[in-house]
Amino acid sequence: MQAYLPWIWLALIVLFGIFEGITVQLVSIWFCMGAFAALLVSFVSPSPVVQLVVFVLVSALTLLFSRPLFLRRMKPRRPATNADMVLGQEGVVLREIVPGEVGRVKVDGQDWAARCEVPLEAGARCRVERITGVTLTVTPCKTKNEEESVCL
């Protein structure tokens, strides 16, 4: 039996590798590494108990230390869209915005639906704070004089 242990570990490496390739979810790669460590130990120690302990320890340690790193790197990122480019930009109110209702704002040459917590008249300047769906949430800009406005 002890002469066959390296072959058993090799078969387990292949099986865990195939299973990992099928699932692509980082499910069995840890066991593949543990089986590889046990295979190496099988050339030094003929004891199946020692090999099993090495398999369990290496599998558990690789899972414990490397899984969080892999998950962080594999987490999908939210793709940037053209809509994100209007965040923080100033716009001009095209149709009056009343709290609780939707008005219209022109930002960077594009007409958008917009909401604001305070009333804004047509022609007033505003800043885009966030986007919810296709509706902008804006805040008013203070007007120093006719030509200059400063957003809050």
N, C-alpha and C. Protein backbone atom coordinates (compact mmCIF):
# COMPACT_ATOMS: atom_id res chain seq x y z
N MET A 1 0.82 -1.20 0.00
CA MET A 1 0.00 0.00 0.00
C MET A 1 0.86 1.25 0.00
N GLN A 2 1.95 1.24 0.79
CA GLN A 2 2.78 2.43 0.90
C GLN A 2 3.46 2.77 -0.41
N ALA A 3 3.71 1.78 -1.25
CA ALA A 3 4.34 2.04 -2.55
C ALA A 3 3.37 2.75 -3.50
N TYR A 4 2.08 2.62 -3.24
CA TYR A 4 1.08 3.24 -4.10
C TYR A 4 0.68 4.65 -3.65
N LEU A 5 1.09 5.06 -2.47
CA LEU A 5 0.69 6.37 -1.95
C LEU A 5 1.09 7.53 -2.86
N PRO A 6 2.31 7.54 -3.41
CA PRO A 6 2.62 8.66 -4.33
C PRO A 6 1.66 8.72 -5.52
N TRP A 7 1.26 7.55 -6.02
CA TRP A 7 0.33 7.52 -7.15
C TRP A 7 -1.06 8.02 -6.74
N ILE A 8 -1.44 7.70 -5.52
CA ILE A 8 -2.74 8.18 -5.01
C ILE A 8 -2.72 9.70 -4.90
N TRP A 9 -1.63 10.25 -4.35
CA TRP A 9 -1.53 11.72 -4.23
C TRP A 9 -1.51 12.37 -5.61
N LEU A 10 -0.81 11.74 -6.55
CA LEU A 10 -0.76 12.28 -7.91
C LEU A 10 -2.15 12.27 -8.56
N ALA A 11 -2.88 11.18 -8.33
CA ALA A 11 -4.25 11.10 -8.86
C ALA A 11 -5.14 12.17 -8.23
N LEU A 12 -4.97 12.41 -6.93
CA LEU A 12 -5.76 13.45 -6.26
C LEU A 12 -5.41 14.84 -6.79
N ILE A 13 -4.14 15.07 -7.06
CA ILE A 13 -3.74 16.36 -7.64
C ILE A 13 -4.46 16.58 -8.97
N VAL A 14 -4.47 15.54 -9.81
CA VAL A 14 -5.13 15.64 -11.11
C VAL A 14 -6.63 15.85 -10.95
N LEU A 15 -7.26 15.08 -10.05
CA LEU A 15 -8.70 15.21 -9.84
C LEU A 15 -9.09 16.59 -9.30
N PHE A 16 -8.33 17.07 -8.29
CA PHE A 16 -8.62 18.40 -7.75
C PHE A 16 -8.37 19.47 -8.81
N GLY A 17 -7.35 19.27 -9.63
CA GLY A 17 -7.06 20.23 -10.70
C GLY A 17 -8.17 20.27 -11.74
N ILE A 18 -8.67 19.10 -12.12
CA ILE A 18 -9.78 19.04 -13.08
C ILE A 18 -11.03 19.68 -12.47
N PHE A 19 -11.31 19.37 -11.23
CA PHE A 19 -12.48 19.94 -10.57
C PHE A 19 -12.37 21.46 -10.49
N GLU A 20 -11.18 21.97 -10.20
CA GLU A 20 -10.97 23.43 -10.15
C GLU A 20 -11.17 24.04 -11.53
N GLY A 21 -10.69 23.38 -12.55
CA GLY A 21 -10.88 23.88 -13.92
C GLY A 21 -12.32 23.92 -14.35
N ILE A 22 -13.10 22.97 -13.86
CA ILE A 22 -14.52 22.93 -14.21
C ILE A 22 -15.30 24.02 -13.47
N THR A 23 -15.01 24.20 -12.18
CA THR A 23 -15.78 25.14 -11.38
C THR A 23 -15.32 26.58 -11.51
N VAL A 24 -14.05 26.83 -11.65
CA VAL A 24 -13.45 28.17 -11.73
C VAL A 24 -13.93 29.05 -10.57
N GLN A 25 -14.04 28.49 -9.40
CA GLN A 25 -14.51 29.24 -8.24
C GLN A 25 -13.54 29.18 -7.07
N LEU A 26 -12.33 28.75 -7.28
CA LEU A 26 -11.35 28.57 -6.21
C LEU A 26 -11.93 27.67 -5.12
N VAL A 27 -12.37 26.49 -5.53
CA VAL A 27 -12.97 25.55 -4.60
C VAL A 27 -11.97 24.48 -4.18
N SER A 28 -11.22 23.96 -5.12
CA SER A 28 -10.37 22.81 -4.80
C SER A 28 -8.88 23.06 -5.03
N ILE A 29 -8.50 24.25 -5.40
CA ILE A 29 -7.09 24.53 -5.63
C ILE A 29 -6.28 24.33 -4.36
N TRP A 30 -6.91 24.61 -3.22
CA TRP A 30 -6.23 24.46 -1.93
C TRP A 30 -5.91 23.00 -1.65
N PHE A 31 -6.84 22.10 -2.03
CA PHE A 31 -6.62 20.67 -1.83
C PHE A 31 -5.59 20.14 -2.82
N CYS A 32 -5.53 20.75 -3.97
CA CYS A 32 -4.51 20.40 -4.96
C CYS A 32 -3.13 20.70 -4.39
N MET A 33 -2.99 21.84 -3.75
CA MET A 33 -1.71 22.21 -3.14
C MET A 33 -1.38 21.28 -1.97
N GLY A 34 -2.37 20.93 -1.19
CA GLY A 34 -2.15 20.00 -0.08
C GLY A 34 -1.74 18.62 -0.57
N ALA A 35 -2.37 18.16 -1.65
CA ALA A 35 -2.01 16.85 -2.21
C ALA A 35 -0.59 16.88 -2.77
N PHE A 36 -0.18 18.01 -3.35
CA PHE A 36 1.18 18.13 -3.86
C PHE A 36 2.19 18.07 -2.72
N ALA A 37 1.90 18.74 -1.62
CA ALA A 37 2.79 18.69 -0.45
C ALA A 37 2.85 17.27 0.10
N ALA A 38 1.71 16.59 0.15
CA ALA A 38 1.69 15.20 0.63
C ALA A 38 2.46 14.29 -0.32
N LEU A 39 2.40 14.55 -1.61
CA LEU A 39 3.17 13.77 -2.59
C LEU A 39 4.66 13.92 -2.32
N LEU A 40 5.10 15.14 -2.06
CA LEU A 40 6.52 15.37 -1.76
C LEU A 40 6.93 14.64 -0.47
N VAL A 41 6.06 14.68 0.54
CA VAL A 41 6.35 14.01 1.80
C VAL A 41 6.36 12.49 1.62
N SER A 42 5.58 11.98 0.69
CA SER A 42 5.53 10.53 0.47
C SER A 42 6.86 9.97 -0.01
N PHE A 43 7.70 10.80 -0.60
CA PHE A 43 9.02 10.35 -1.03
C PHE A 43 10.00 10.28 0.13
N VAL A 44 9.67 11.00 1.21
CA VAL A 44 10.56 11.06 2.38
C VAL A 44 10.05 10.15 3.50
N SER A 45 8.75 10.16 3.74
CA SER A 45 8.16 9.38 4.83
C SER A 45 7.12 8.43 4.26
N PRO A 46 7.27 7.14 4.53
CA PRO A 46 6.29 6.18 4.03
C PRO A 46 4.99 6.14 4.85
N SER A 47 4.93 6.89 5.95
CA SER A 47 3.77 6.84 6.84
C SER A 47 2.57 7.57 6.24
N PRO A 48 1.46 6.85 6.04
CA PRO A 48 0.25 7.50 5.51
C PRO A 48 -0.31 8.54 6.47
N VAL A 49 -0.10 8.35 7.77
CA VAL A 49 -0.61 9.31 8.76
C VAL A 49 0.12 10.64 8.61
N VAL A 50 1.44 10.61 8.46
CA VAL A 50 2.23 11.84 8.28
C VAL A 50 1.80 12.54 7.00
N GLN A 51 1.63 11.79 5.94
CA GLN A 51 1.21 12.37 4.66
C GLN A 51 -0.17 13.01 4.76
N LEU A 52 -1.08 12.35 5.45
CA LEU A 52 -2.43 12.89 5.62
C LEU A 52 -2.40 14.17 6.45
N VAL A 53 -1.59 14.18 7.50
CA VAL A 53 -1.47 15.39 8.34
C VAL A 53 -0.91 16.54 7.51
N VAL A 54 0.10 16.27 6.68
CA VAL A 54 0.67 17.32 5.81
C VAL A 54 -0.39 17.80 4.83
N PHE A 55 -1.15 16.87 4.25
CA PHE A 55 -2.22 17.25 3.32
C PHE A 55 -3.22 18.19 3.97
N VAL A 56 -3.69 17.83 5.15
CA VAL A 56 -4.69 18.64 5.86
C VAL A 56 -4.11 20.00 6.25
N LEU A 57 -2.90 20.01 6.80
CA LEU A 57 -2.29 21.27 7.24
C LEU A 57 -2.02 22.22 6.08
N VAL A 58 -1.42 21.72 5.02
CA VAL A 58 -1.11 22.59 3.87
C VAL A 58 -2.40 23.08 3.21
N SER A 59 -3.38 22.22 3.08
CA SER A 59 -4.67 22.65 2.49
C SER A 59 -5.31 23.75 3.33
N ALA A 60 -5.33 23.55 4.64
CA ALA A 60 -5.95 24.53 5.54
C ALA A 60 -5.18 25.85 5.54
N LEU A 61 -3.85 25.78 5.58
CA LEU A 61 -3.06 27.01 5.61
C LEU A 61 -3.15 27.80 4.30
N THR A 62 -3.10 27.09 3.17
CA THR A 62 -3.23 27.83 1.90
C THR A 62 -4.62 28.44 1.76
N LEU A 63 -5.62 27.72 2.22
CA LEU A 63 -6.99 28.27 2.19
C LEU A 63 -7.09 29.49 3.09
N LEU A 64 -6.56 29.39 4.28
CA LEU A 64 -6.65 30.47 5.26
C LEU A 64 -5.94 31.74 4.81
N PHE A 65 -4.76 31.60 4.23
CA PHE A 65 -3.96 32.77 3.91
C PHE A 65 -4.15 33.32 2.50
N SER A 66 -4.45 32.46 1.54
CA SER A 66 -4.51 32.97 0.16
C SER A 66 -5.92 33.24 -0.35
N ARG A 67 -6.93 32.63 0.20
CA ARG A 67 -8.29 32.85 -0.30
C ARG A 67 -8.71 34.31 -0.21
N PRO A 68 -8.49 35.01 0.93
CA PRO A 68 -8.88 36.43 0.96
C PRO A 68 -8.17 37.27 -0.10
N LEU A 69 -6.91 36.95 -0.39
CA LEU A 69 -6.18 37.70 -1.41
C LEU A 69 -6.78 37.48 -2.80
N PHE A 70 -7.09 36.22 -3.11
CA PHE A 70 -7.69 35.91 -4.41
C PHE A 70 -9.07 36.53 -4.55
N LEU A 71 -9.87 36.46 -3.50
CA LEU A 71 -11.22 37.02 -3.57
C LEU A 71 -11.20 38.52 -3.79
N ARG A 72 -10.26 39.21 -3.15
CA ARG A 72 -10.15 40.65 -3.33
C ARG A 72 -9.82 41.00 -4.77
N ARG A 73 -8.94 40.23 -5.38
CA ARG A 73 -8.53 40.51 -6.76
C ARG A 73 -9.59 40.08 -7.77
N MET A 74 -10.40 39.10 -7.42
CA MET A 74 -11.40 38.61 -8.36
C MET A 74 -12.73 39.33 -8.25
N LYS A 75 -12.88 40.20 -7.25
CA LYS A 75 -14.14 40.91 -7.07
C LYS A 75 -14.40 41.81 -8.28
N PRO A 76 -15.57 41.69 -8.88
CA PRO A 76 -15.85 42.52 -10.05
C PRO A 76 -15.92 44.00 -9.68
N ARG A 77 -15.34 44.80 -10.51
CA ARG A 77 -15.38 46.25 -10.30
C ARG A 77 -16.51 46.84 -11.13
N ARG A 78 -17.09 47.89 -10.60
CA ARG A 78 -18.16 48.58 -11.32
C ARG A 78 -17.53 49.35 -12.47
N PRO A 79 -17.94 49.05 -13.69
CA PRO A 79 -17.33 49.75 -14.83
C PRO A 79 -17.75 51.22 -14.87
N ALA A 80 -16.81 52.07 -15.20
CA ALA A 80 -17.11 53.49 -15.34
C ALA A 80 -17.94 53.69 -16.60
N THR A 81 -18.91 54.59 -16.51
CA THR A 81 -19.76 54.89 -17.66
C THR A 81 -19.62 56.35 -18.02
N ASN A 82 -20.15 56.72 -19.16
CA ASN A 82 -20.11 58.12 -19.56
C ASN A 82 -20.90 58.99 -18.58
N ALA A 83 -21.92 58.42 -17.97
CA ALA A 83 -22.73 59.17 -17.01
C ALA A 83 -21.90 59.60 -15.81
N ASP A 84 -20.92 58.77 -15.41
CA ASP A 84 -20.08 59.11 -14.27
C ASP A 84 -19.27 60.38 -14.50
N MET A 85 -19.06 60.74 -15.75
CA MET A 85 -18.24 61.91 -16.07
C MET A 85 -18.92 63.22 -15.68
N VAL A 86 -20.23 63.23 -15.48
CA VAL A 86 -20.91 64.47 -15.13
C VAL A 86 -20.90 64.74 -13.63
N LEU A 87 -20.48 63.76 -12.83
CA LEU A 87 -20.42 63.97 -11.38
C LEU A 87 -19.46 65.11 -11.06
N GLY A 88 -19.94 66.05 -10.24
CA GLY A 88 -19.12 67.19 -9.84
C GLY A 88 -19.13 68.34 -10.82
N GLN A 89 -19.71 68.15 -12.00
CA GLN A 89 -19.75 69.23 -12.99
C GLN A 89 -20.90 70.18 -12.72
N GLU A 90 -20.75 71.39 -13.26
CA GLU A 90 -21.81 72.38 -13.14
C GLU A 90 -22.73 72.30 -14.35
N GLY A 91 -23.99 72.64 -14.10
CA GLY A 91 -24.96 72.65 -15.17
C GLY A 91 -25.90 73.83 -15.02
N VAL A 92 -26.81 73.96 -15.98
CA VAL A 92 -27.80 75.04 -15.99
C VAL A 92 -29.18 74.40 -15.97
N VAL A 93 -30.05 74.92 -15.12
CA VAL A 93 -31.41 74.40 -15.02
C VAL A 93 -32.19 74.85 -16.25
N LEU A 94 -32.76 73.89 -16.98
CA LEU A 94 -33.56 74.19 -18.17
C LEU A 94 -35.03 74.34 -17.81
N ARG A 95 -35.53 73.45 -16.95
CA ARG A 95 -36.92 73.52 -16.49
C ARG A 95 -36.90 73.51 -14.98
N GLU A 96 -37.65 74.40 -14.37
CA GLU A 96 -37.67 74.59 -12.92
C GLU A 96 -37.71 73.25 -12.18
N ILE A 97 -36.92 73.20 -11.10
CA ILE A 97 -36.90 72.00 -10.26
C ILE A 97 -37.56 72.35 -8.94
N VAL A 98 -38.60 71.59 -8.60
CA VAL A 98 -39.32 71.75 -7.35
C VAL A 98 -39.00 70.51 -6.50
N PRO A 99 -38.74 70.67 -5.18
CA PRO A 99 -38.45 69.50 -4.35
C PRO A 99 -39.54 68.44 -4.47
N GLY A 100 -39.13 67.20 -4.67
CA GLY A 100 -40.07 66.09 -4.82
C GLY A 100 -40.50 65.86 -6.25
N GLU A 101 -40.12 66.77 -7.17
CA GLU A 101 -40.47 66.60 -8.58
C GLU A 101 -39.20 66.62 -9.41
N VAL A 102 -39.35 66.25 -10.66
CA VAL A 102 -38.20 66.19 -11.57
C VAL A 102 -38.23 67.39 -12.50
N GLY A 103 -37.08 68.04 -12.62
CA GLY A 103 -36.91 69.12 -13.58
C GLY A 103 -35.91 68.69 -14.64
N ARG A 104 -35.40 69.66 -15.41
CA ARG A 104 -34.42 69.35 -16.46
C ARG A 104 -33.19 70.22 -16.25
N VAL A 105 -32.01 69.63 -16.48
CA VAL A 105 -30.74 70.32 -16.33
C VAL A 105 -29.88 70.01 -17.55
N LYS A 106 -29.12 70.99 -18.00
CA LYS A 106 -28.18 70.77 -19.09
C LYS A 106 -26.77 70.75 -18.50
N VAL A 107 -26.08 69.61 -18.66
CA VAL A 107 -24.73 69.44 -18.15
C VAL A 107 -23.86 68.94 -19.29
N ASP A 108 -22.78 69.65 -19.54
CA ASP A 108 -21.83 69.27 -20.59
C ASP A 108 -22.54 69.03 -21.93
N GLY A 109 -23.49 69.89 -22.22
CA GLY A 109 -24.19 69.83 -23.50
C GLY A 109 -25.28 68.79 -23.58
N GLN A 110 -25.54 68.07 -22.49
CA GLN A 110 -26.57 67.03 -22.50
C GLN A 110 -27.72 67.39 -21.57
N ASP A 111 -28.90 67.06 -21.98
CA ASP A 111 -30.12 67.33 -21.22
C ASP A 111 -30.39 66.14 -20.31
N TRP A 112 -30.55 66.41 -18.99
CA TRP A 112 -30.77 65.36 -18.00
C TRP A 112 -32.01 65.66 -17.16
N ALA A 113 -32.66 64.61 -16.68
CA ALA A 113 -33.68 64.76 -15.65
C ALA A 113 -32.93 65.03 -14.35
N ALA A 114 -33.49 65.91 -13.50
CA ALA A 114 -32.77 66.26 -12.27
C ALA A 114 -33.72 66.50 -11.12
N ARG A 115 -33.21 66.22 -9.91
CA ARG A 115 -33.93 66.48 -8.67
C ARG A 115 -33.05 67.36 -7.80
N CYS A 116 -33.70 68.13 -6.91
CA CYS A 116 -32.96 68.97 -5.97
C CYS A 116 -33.82 69.10 -4.72
N GLU A 117 -33.16 69.24 -3.56
CA GLU A 117 -33.89 69.37 -2.30
C GLU A 117 -34.44 70.78 -2.10
N VAL A 118 -33.94 71.74 -2.85
CA VAL A 118 -34.43 73.12 -2.77
C VAL A 118 -34.93 73.52 -4.15
N PRO A 119 -35.85 74.47 -4.23
CA PRO A 119 -36.34 74.88 -5.54
C PRO A 119 -35.25 75.59 -6.35
N LEU A 120 -35.19 75.30 -7.63
CA LEU A 120 -34.26 75.96 -8.55
C LEU A 120 -35.03 76.47 -9.76
N GLU A 121 -34.80 77.73 -10.09
CA GLU A 121 -35.47 78.34 -11.23
C GLU A 121 -34.72 78.00 -12.51
N ALA A 122 -35.42 78.12 -13.62
CA ALA A 122 -34.78 77.93 -14.92
C ALA A 122 -33.68 78.97 -15.08
N GLY A 123 -32.53 78.55 -15.58
CA GLY A 123 -31.38 79.45 -15.78
C GLY A 123 -30.41 79.44 -14.61
N ALA A 124 -30.80 78.86 -13.47
CA ALA A 124 -29.92 78.82 -12.29
C ALA A 124 -28.80 77.80 -12.54
N ARG A 125 -27.65 78.06 -11.91
CA ARG A 125 -26.52 77.14 -12.02
C ARG A 125 -26.58 76.14 -10.87
N CYS A 126 -26.13 74.92 -11.15
CA CYS A 126 -26.15 73.86 -10.15
C CYS A 126 -24.98 72.92 -10.36
N ARG A 127 -24.70 72.12 -9.33
CA ARG A 127 -23.62 71.13 -9.40
C ARG A 127 -24.22 69.74 -9.23
N VAL A 128 -23.72 68.79 -10.03
CA VAL A 128 -24.19 67.41 -9.97
C VAL A 128 -23.52 66.71 -8.79
N GLU A 129 -24.33 66.17 -7.89
CA GLU A 129 -23.82 65.47 -6.71
C GLU A 129 -23.80 63.95 -6.90
N ARG A 130 -24.87 63.40 -7.51
CA ARG A 130 -24.91 61.95 -7.74
C ARG A 130 -25.90 61.64 -8.85
N ILE A 131 -25.85 60.39 -9.29
CA ILE A 131 -26.74 59.91 -10.35
C ILE A 131 -27.48 58.69 -9.84
N THR A 132 -28.79 58.70 -9.99
CA THR A 132 -29.62 57.56 -9.64
C THR A 132 -30.39 57.18 -10.89
N GLY A 133 -30.00 56.08 -11.50
CA GLY A 133 -30.61 55.70 -12.78
C GLY A 133 -30.20 56.71 -13.83
N VAL A 134 -31.19 57.43 -14.38
CA VAL A 134 -30.90 58.48 -15.37
C VAL A 134 -31.27 59.85 -14.83
N THR A 135 -31.43 59.95 -13.52
CA THR A 135 -31.79 61.22 -12.90
C THR A 135 -30.64 61.74 -12.05
N LEU A 136 -30.28 62.99 -12.28
CA LEU A 136 -29.22 63.62 -11.51
C LEU A 136 -29.78 64.20 -10.22
N THR A 137 -28.98 64.20 -9.18
CA THR A 137 -29.29 64.94 -7.97
C THR A 137 -28.33 66.11 -7.95
N VAL A 138 -28.88 67.33 -7.90
CA VAL A 138 -28.05 68.53 -8.00
C VAL A 138 -28.20 69.39 -6.75
N THR A 139 -27.22 70.28 -6.56
CA THR A 139 -27.28 71.29 -5.50
C THR A 139 -27.08 72.65 -6.17
N PRO A 140 -27.69 73.70 -5.60
CA PRO A 140 -27.57 75.02 -6.23
C PRO A 140 -26.19 75.62 -6.05
N CYS A 141 -25.83 76.53 -6.97
CA CYS A 141 -24.59 77.31 -6.87
C CYS A 141 -24.98 78.71 -6.40
N LYS A 142 -24.13 79.32 -5.59
CA LYS A 142 -24.35 80.70 -5.17
C LYS A 142 -23.90 81.62 -6.29
N THR A 143 -24.65 82.68 -6.51
CA THR A 143 -24.28 83.65 -7.53
C THR A 143 -23.68 84.88 -6.86
N LYS A 144 -22.42 85.19 -7.17
CA LYS A 144 -21.77 86.39 -6.63
C LYS A 144 -22.26 87.62 -7.40
N ASN A 145 -22.22 87.51 -8.70
CA ASN A 145 -22.75 88.56 -9.55
C ASN A 145 -23.30 87.90 -10.81
N GLU A 146 -23.70 88.67 -11.76
CA GLU A 146 -24.34 88.13 -12.96
C GLU A 146 -23.46 87.14 -13.73
N GLU A 147 -22.14 87.39 -13.76
CA GLU A 147 -21.25 86.60 -14.61
C GLU A 147 -20.60 85.44 -13.88
N GLU A 148 -20.50 85.49 -12.55
CA GLU A 148 -19.74 84.52 -11.80
C GLU A 148 -20.65 83.75 -10.85
N SER A 149 -20.48 82.41 -10.78
CA SER A 149 -21.21 81.64 -9.78
C SER A 149 -20.23 80.70 -9.10
N VAL A 150 -20.49 80.41 -7.84
CA VAL A 150 -19.65 79.52 -7.07
C VAL A 150 -20.56 78.44 -6.49
N CYS A 151 -20.22 77.19 -6.76
CA CYS A 151 -21.02 76.09 -6.23
C CYS A 151 -20.62 75.81 -4.80
N LEU A 152 -21.59 75.39 -4.03
CA LEU A 152 -21.38 75.06 -2.62
C LEU A 152 -20.59 73.79 -2.46
